[in-house]
């Protein structure tokens, strides 16, 4: 089916595919390292994360590892260099907004703000097709 027909069919049925939903979140590098493996097991959609870390740290810890739970097609990671001002406060709003922008690269129809301390579908893999 063409993308247009697929959307039309889904609208009639009230269905949403998980691949149309992008989870987005601000994070620290430590949280990202612990969350990605867990989310990869329970979420079949895409994700965008803005991380307070250098690009080198993100590349080394996430994309250079042999255990790539999320592929580059499913995960957008935006590295934000830690500035001296961030020592006194965590820039959650700026990171959240950058992560939301990252969902655009995933071509998501829907976005969900995700708190990395919570689990999505903790007891079962997400379904490819979600009902409204």
Protein backbone atom coordinates (compact mmCIF):
# COMPACT_ATOMS: atom_id res chain seq x y z
CA UNK A 1 0.00 0.00 0.00
CA UNK A 2 1.11 3.55 -0.59
CA UNK A 3 1.80 5.63 2.52
CA UNK A 4 -1.29 7.73 1.82
CA UNK A 5 -3.56 4.69 1.54
CA UNK A 6 -1.98 3.15 4.64
CA UNK A 7 -2.71 6.33 6.64
CA UNK A 8 -6.25 6.47 5.30
CA UNK A 9 -6.88 2.83 6.22
CA UNK A 10 -5.49 3.33 9.71
CA UNK A 11 -7.57 6.44 10.33
CA UNK A 12 -10.70 4.48 9.53
CA UNK A 13 -9.63 1.66 11.81
CA UNK A 14 -8.32 3.95 14.58
CA UNK A 15 -4.94 2.22 14.57
CA UNK A 16 -1.48 3.66 15.13
CA UNK A 17 1.75 1.87 14.30
CA UNK A 18 4.51 2.02 16.92
CA UNK A 19 6.97 3.13 14.22
CA UNK A 20 4.91 6.33 13.87
CA UNK A 21 5.53 7.27 17.49
CA UNK A 22 8.79 8.82 18.65
CA UNK A 23 9.63 8.82 22.34
CA UNK A 24 11.74 11.83 23.28
CA UNK A 25 13.62 12.59 26.48
CA UNK A 26 16.39 14.59 28.10
CA UNK A 27 19.04 12.45 29.77
CA UNK A 28 22.46 12.09 31.31
CA UNK A 29 24.96 9.70 29.76
CA UNK A 30 24.66 7.27 32.68
CA UNK A 31 20.87 7.13 32.35
CA UNK A 32 21.08 6.72 28.60
CA UNK A 33 23.42 3.74 28.94
CA UNK A 34 21.04 1.99 31.32
CA UNK A 35 17.81 2.94 29.51
CA UNK A 36 18.63 2.07 25.89
CA UNK A 37 18.97 -1.71 26.43
CA UNK A 38 15.73 -1.81 28.41
CA UNK A 39 13.76 0.28 25.92
CA UNK A 40 15.09 -1.71 22.98
CA UNK A 41 13.45 -4.81 24.46
CA UNK A 42 10.08 -3.18 25.08
CA UNK A 43 9.66 -0.44 22.48
CA UNK A 44 9.50 -1.08 18.74
CA UNK A 45 9.18 2.57 17.72
CA UNK A 46 11.79 5.30 17.45
CA UNK A 47 13.40 7.47 20.10
CA UNK A 48 15.19 10.81 20.33
CA UNK A 49 17.36 11.67 23.32
CA UNK A 50 19.31 14.83 24.13
CA UNK A 51 22.23 13.94 26.39
CA UNK A 52 24.35 16.22 28.53
CA UNK A 53 27.68 14.82 27.35
CA UNK A 54 30.31 15.40 24.73
CA UNK A 55 29.80 13.97 21.26
CA UNK A 56 32.88 11.82 21.79
CA UNK A 57 31.41 10.30 24.97
CA UNK A 58 28.09 9.58 23.28
CA UNK A 59 29.76 7.98 20.27
CA UNK A 60 32.00 5.84 22.44
CA UNK A 61 29.30 4.72 24.85
CA UNK A 62 26.31 4.26 22.55
CA UNK A 63 27.16 3.81 18.89
CA UNK A 64 30.64 2.31 19.20
CA UNK A 65 29.56 -0.52 21.48
CA UNK A 66 29.05 -4.01 20.09
CA UNK A 67 25.67 -4.20 21.79
CA UNK A 68 23.61 -1.91 19.54
CA UNK A 69 20.06 -2.35 20.81
CA UNK A 70 18.77 0.62 18.85
CA UNK A 71 19.97 1.09 15.32
CA UNK A 72 20.84 4.53 14.04
CA UNK A 73 17.54 4.43 12.14
CA UNK A 74 15.58 4.02 15.38
CA UNK A 75 17.58 6.29 17.67
CA UNK A 76 18.57 9.93 17.41
CA UNK A 77 21.02 11.08 20.07
CA UNK A 78 21.86 14.76 20.39
CA UNK A 79 24.99 15.47 22.43
CA UNK A 80 25.03 18.73 24.37
CA UNK A 81 28.44 19.76 25.67
CA UNK A 82 28.41 20.26 29.44
CA UNK A 83 29.01 23.97 30.07
CA UNK A 84 30.24 25.40 33.39
CA UNK A 85 26.77 26.86 34.05
CA UNK A 86 25.33 23.30 34.00
CA UNK A 87 27.30 22.33 37.11
CA UNK A 88 24.78 24.15 39.26
CA UNK A 89 21.64 23.07 37.39
CA UNK A 90 20.56 20.48 34.84
CA UNK A 91 19.22 22.08 31.60
CA UNK A 92 16.14 19.85 31.38
CA UNK A 93 14.02 22.23 29.28
CA UNK A 94 16.73 22.85 26.68
CA UNK A 95 17.49 19.11 26.42
CA UNK A 96 13.79 18.24 26.17
CA UNK A 97 13.28 20.72 23.34
CA UNK A 98 16.33 19.41 21.45
CA UNK A 99 15.09 15.83 21.84
CA UNK A 100 11.71 16.86 20.46
CA UNK A 101 13.42 18.38 17.42
CA UNK A 102 15.25 15.05 17.00
CA UNK A 103 11.90 13.31 16.48
CA UNK A 104 11.59 15.20 13.20
CA UNK A 105 14.53 13.21 11.83
CA UNK A 106 12.55 10.04 12.64
CA UNK A 107 9.56 11.22 10.55
CA UNK A 108 7.24 10.53 13.47
CA UNK A 109 3.55 11.30 13.21
CA UNK A 110 3.20 11.34 17.00
CA UNK A 111 5.58 12.14 19.85
CA UNK A 112 5.57 11.12 23.49
CA UNK A 113 7.64 12.83 26.17
CA UNK A 114 9.35 10.01 28.03
CA UNK A 115 10.87 10.08 31.49
CA UNK A 116 13.91 7.81 31.27
CA UNK A 117 13.29 6.57 34.81
CA UNK A 118 10.01 4.93 33.74
CA UNK A 119 9.59 1.83 31.61
CA UNK A 120 7.40 1.48 28.54
CA UNK A 121 5.50 -1.82 28.43
CA UNK A 122 7.67 -3.34 31.18
CA UNK A 123 6.25 -6.88 31.05
CA UNK A 124 5.82 -7.50 27.33
CA UNK A 125 7.23 -6.30 24.02
CA UNK A 126 5.22 -3.51 22.44
CA UNK A 127 2.93 -4.43 19.62
CA UNK A 128 3.68 -3.16 16.15
CA UNK A 129 0.08 -2.07 15.90
CA UNK A 130 -1.43 -0.04 18.75
CA UNK A 131 -5.12 0.65 19.23
CA UNK A 132 -6.43 4.07 20.22
